[in-house]
Amino acid sequence: MATIPSNLNIPTAAQLPDHSILDLNGKQTYLGNQFAVTLPSTSISGTSEQALILVSNPVTISSKNNLKSLFVNLRKLIPLTASDTAILRVYVAPTATAGTPTTPQNLRPASGNASVATASTAPTASANGTLVEVLASTADLASISNMPIVLDPGQSMLVTIQVSASSSISAQLSWYEL
């Protein structure tokens, strides 16, 4: 019978959130569903900051209380025009109106679960909210962030874009729901 090395700090059951396990190295692994919103080759005109994606975690879904939090774990930006630069900004608690609805895709293909989150492209923001992250990117270097941002029920996140010249970009957000 194998013994667990004493140098591992293994959390107790009370310290582990629902729907997670420990991997072989004693690190927490999530078993919930992961979702993504992808914008393939989107044209951006002008050089001012523009609202790109709004993700909201509603308090209620179908007249039931929503108990899931969104763990936004990846933001990626790729400018597709060779000489342009792009800046992606992430804000929490914006004052914004949804734009064109987009359906988050479940990255666990065998699961039929739909996301509790609502997502839209080209939202209208009257106040961006609190800035939590800035990513700069060029055509030669994609920006990728995996700093976790947690959206509890009732919270939203706004992603904006600013380009050096009219350009095409590709962007992606992904999150776990637990």
Protein backbone atom coordinates (compact mmCIF):
# COMPACT_ATOMS: atom_id res chain seq x y z
CA MET A 1 0.00 0.00 0.00
CA ALA A 2 1.37 3.41 -1.02
CA THR A 3 1.83 6.13 1.55
CA ILE A 4 1.25 9.82 0.98
CA PRO A 5 4.41 11.90 1.33
CA SER A 6 4.28 14.16 4.39
CA ASN A 7 5.45 17.22 2.42
CA LEU A 8 2.14 17.47 0.50
CA ASN A 9 -0.32 19.98 1.91
CA ILE A 10 -3.51 18.13 1.12
CA PRO A 11 -6.67 20.10 1.91
CA THR A 12 -9.39 18.59 4.04
CA ALA A 13 -12.84 17.84 2.61
CA ALA A 14 -14.09 21.12 4.12
CA GLN A 15 -11.48 23.08 2.15
CA LEU A 16 -12.42 21.62 -1.25
CA PRO A 17 -15.26 23.24 -3.18
CA ASP A 18 -18.01 21.06 -4.63
CA HIS A 19 -17.21 19.41 -7.95
CA SER A 20 -13.45 19.25 -7.53
CA ILE A 21 -10.84 16.61 -6.79
CA LEU A 22 -7.13 16.53 -6.12
CA ASP A 23 -4.84 15.38 -8.93
CA LEU A 24 -1.75 13.18 -8.46
CA ASN A 25 0.29 16.18 -7.29
CA GLY A 26 -2.20 17.29 -4.65
CA LYS A 27 -3.46 20.19 -6.79
CA GLN A 28 -7.11 21.01 -7.12
CA THR A 29 -8.76 19.97 -10.40
CA TYR A 30 -12.24 21.11 -11.41
CA LEU A 31 -14.80 18.68 -12.76
CA GLY A 32 -17.45 21.21 -13.74
CA ASN A 33 -18.24 22.19 -17.29
CA GLN A 34 -16.01 24.62 -19.14
CA PHE A 35 -17.50 27.09 -21.62
CA ALA A 36 -16.03 29.43 -24.24
CA VAL A 37 -17.03 32.41 -26.31
CA THR A 38 -14.92 32.80 -29.44
CA LEU A 39 -14.80 35.72 -31.87
CA PRO A 40 -13.11 34.49 -35.04
CA SER A 41 -11.76 37.26 -37.34
CA THR A 42 -13.77 40.28 -36.20
CA SER A 43 -13.25 43.64 -37.93
CA ILE A 44 -12.58 46.59 -35.62
CA SER A 45 -12.72 50.10 -37.07
CA GLY A 46 -11.33 53.24 -35.49
CA THR A 47 -8.74 53.62 -32.76
CA SER A 48 -10.92 54.35 -29.71
CA GLU A 49 -11.71 51.78 -27.02
CA GLN A 50 -14.78 49.73 -27.98
CA ALA A 51 -16.92 47.26 -26.02
CA LEU A 52 -16.29 43.77 -27.40
CA ILE A 53 -17.86 41.10 -25.16
CA LEU A 54 -20.18 41.20 -22.14
CA VAL A 55 -20.48 38.10 -19.94
CA SER A 56 -23.06 38.08 -17.14
CA ASN A 57 -23.79 35.55 -14.42
CA PRO A 58 -27.51 36.01 -13.64
CA VAL A 59 -28.93 35.73 -10.12
CA THR A 60 -31.87 33.59 -11.29
CA ILE A 61 -32.34 31.19 -14.18
CA SER A 62 -35.82 30.00 -15.15
CA SER A 63 -37.26 31.30 -11.85
CA LYS A 64 -34.67 29.33 -9.83
CA ASN A 65 -31.81 30.81 -7.85
CA ASN A 66 -28.47 30.46 -9.63
CA LEU A 67 -25.87 28.99 -7.26
CA LYS A 68 -22.98 28.76 -9.76
CA SER A 69 -19.94 30.98 -9.95
CA LEU A 70 -18.00 31.54 -13.17
CA PHE A 71 -14.25 31.02 -12.89
CA VAL A 72 -13.00 32.93 -15.95
CA ASN A 73 -9.65 31.32 -16.53
CA LEU A 74 -8.55 32.34 -20.03
CA ARG A 75 -8.56 35.45 -22.16
CA LYS A 76 -6.82 35.38 -25.54
CA LEU A 77 -6.36 38.06 -28.22
CA ILE A 78 -4.74 37.80 -31.64
CA PRO A 79 -4.55 40.80 -34.01
CA LEU A 80 -4.63 39.44 -37.56
CA THR A 81 -3.22 42.46 -39.39
CA ALA A 82 0.58 42.40 -39.53
CA SER A 83 1.54 45.90 -38.39
CA ASP A 84 -1.23 46.59 -35.88
CA THR A 85 -1.27 46.39 -32.12
CA ALA A 86 -4.32 45.75 -29.99
CA ILE A 87 -5.12 46.25 -26.33
CA LEU A 88 -7.71 44.11 -24.57
CA ARG A 89 -9.09 45.47 -21.29
CA VAL A 90 -11.17 43.47 -18.81
CA TYR A 91 -13.57 45.23 -16.44
CA VAL A 92 -15.84 43.86 -13.70
CA ALA A 93 -19.14 45.40 -12.54
CA PRO A 94 -19.84 47.38 -15.74
CA THR A 95 -23.03 49.28 -16.51
CA ALA A 96 -23.78 47.80 -19.90
CA THR A 97 -26.58 46.65 -22.15
CA ALA A 98 -26.24 43.35 -24.00
CA GLY A 99 -25.49 43.50 -27.71
CA THR A 100 -25.77 40.54 -30.07
CA PRO A 101 -26.39 37.35 -28.04
CA THR A 102 -23.85 34.58 -28.50
CA THR A 103 -24.19 31.07 -27.10
CA PRO A 104 -21.25 29.92 -24.96
CA GLN A 105 -19.97 26.56 -26.21
CA ASN A 106 -19.49 23.71 -23.75
CA LEU A 107 -15.89 22.48 -24.04
CA ARG A 108 -16.92 19.16 -22.57
CA PRO A 109 -18.57 17.73 -25.72
CA ALA A 110 -20.17 14.72 -24.02
CA SER A 111 -22.12 17.01 -21.69
CA GLY A 112 -25.42 18.50 -22.79
CA ASN A 113 -25.31 21.19 -20.11
CA ALA A 114 -25.87 24.77 -21.23
CA SER A 115 -24.03 27.65 -19.61
CA VAL A 116 -25.77 29.62 -16.87
CA ALA A 117 -23.97 32.71 -18.21
CA THR A 118 -25.28 35.05 -20.85
CA ALA A 119 -22.82 36.44 -23.37
CA SER A 120 -23.11 39.04 -26.08
CA THR A 121 -20.85 40.77 -28.58
CA ALA A 122 -20.87 44.50 -29.33
CA PRO A 123 -22.57 45.51 -26.05
CA THR A 124 -23.27 49.14 -25.18
CA ALA A 125 -21.47 50.34 -22.04
CA SER A 126 -22.32 53.56 -20.22
CA ALA A 127 -19.67 52.78 -17.56
CA ASN A 128 -16.93 50.21 -18.06
CA GLY A 129 -16.65 49.27 -14.37
CA THR A 130 -13.46 48.41 -12.50
CA LEU A 131 -10.41 47.64 -14.62
CA VAL A 132 -8.85 44.30 -13.58
CA GLU A 133 -6.62 43.38 -16.51
CA VAL A 134 -4.91 44.84 -19.60
CA LEU A 135 -3.47 42.66 -22.39
CA ALA A 136 -1.43 44.07 -25.30
CA SER A 137 -0.89 42.08 -28.47
CA THR A 138 0.66 42.31 -31.95
CA ALA A 139 0.24 40.10 -35.01
CA ASP A 140 3.53 38.41 -34.05
CA LEU A 141 2.59 37.89 -30.42
CA ALA A 142 -0.79 36.75 -29.12
CA SER A 143 -1.80 37.82 -25.63
CA ILE A 144 -2.99 35.06 -23.35
CA SER A 145 -3.97 35.45 -19.71
CA ASN A 146 -4.95 32.74 -17.28
CA MET A 147 -5.34 34.94 -14.20
CA PRO A 148 -8.59 33.73 -12.63
CA ILE A 149 -11.50 36.15 -12.35
CA VAL A 150 -14.52 34.91 -10.36
CA LEU A 151 -18.01 36.13 -11.24
CA ASP A 152 -20.56 35.21 -8.59
CA PRO A 153 -24.30 35.35 -9.38
CA GLY A 154 -25.35 38.90 -10.23
CA GLN A 155 -21.90 39.94 -11.52
CA SER A 156 -20.77 40.83 -15.04
CA MET A 157 -17.54 41.27 -16.94
CA LEU A 158 -16.92 43.59 -19.90
CA VAL A 159 -14.09 43.07 -22.38
CA THR A 160 -13.06 46.03 -24.54
CA ILE A 161 -10.67 46.36 -27.45
CA GLN A 162 -8.54 49.21 -28.76
CA VAL A 163 -6.50 48.90 -31.95
CA SER A 164 -3.76 51.11 -33.41
CA ALA A 165 -5.54 51.21 -36.79
CA SER A 166 -8.63 49.57 -38.26
CA SER A 167 -7.88 45.89 -37.99
CA SER A 168 -9.16 42.35 -37.68
CA ILE A 169 -8.79 40.44 -34.43
CA SER A 170 -9.66 37.07 -33.00
CA ALA A 171 -10.53 36.77 -29.30
CA GLN A 172 -11.62 34.05 -26.87
CA LEU A 173 -12.84 33.83 -23.28
CA SER A 174 -13.35 30.61 -21.35
CA TRP A 175 -14.64 29.77 -17.89
CA TYR A 176 -15.60 26.95 -15.57
CA GLU A 177 -19.01 26.90 -13.90
CA LEU A 178 -19.09 25.47 -10.39
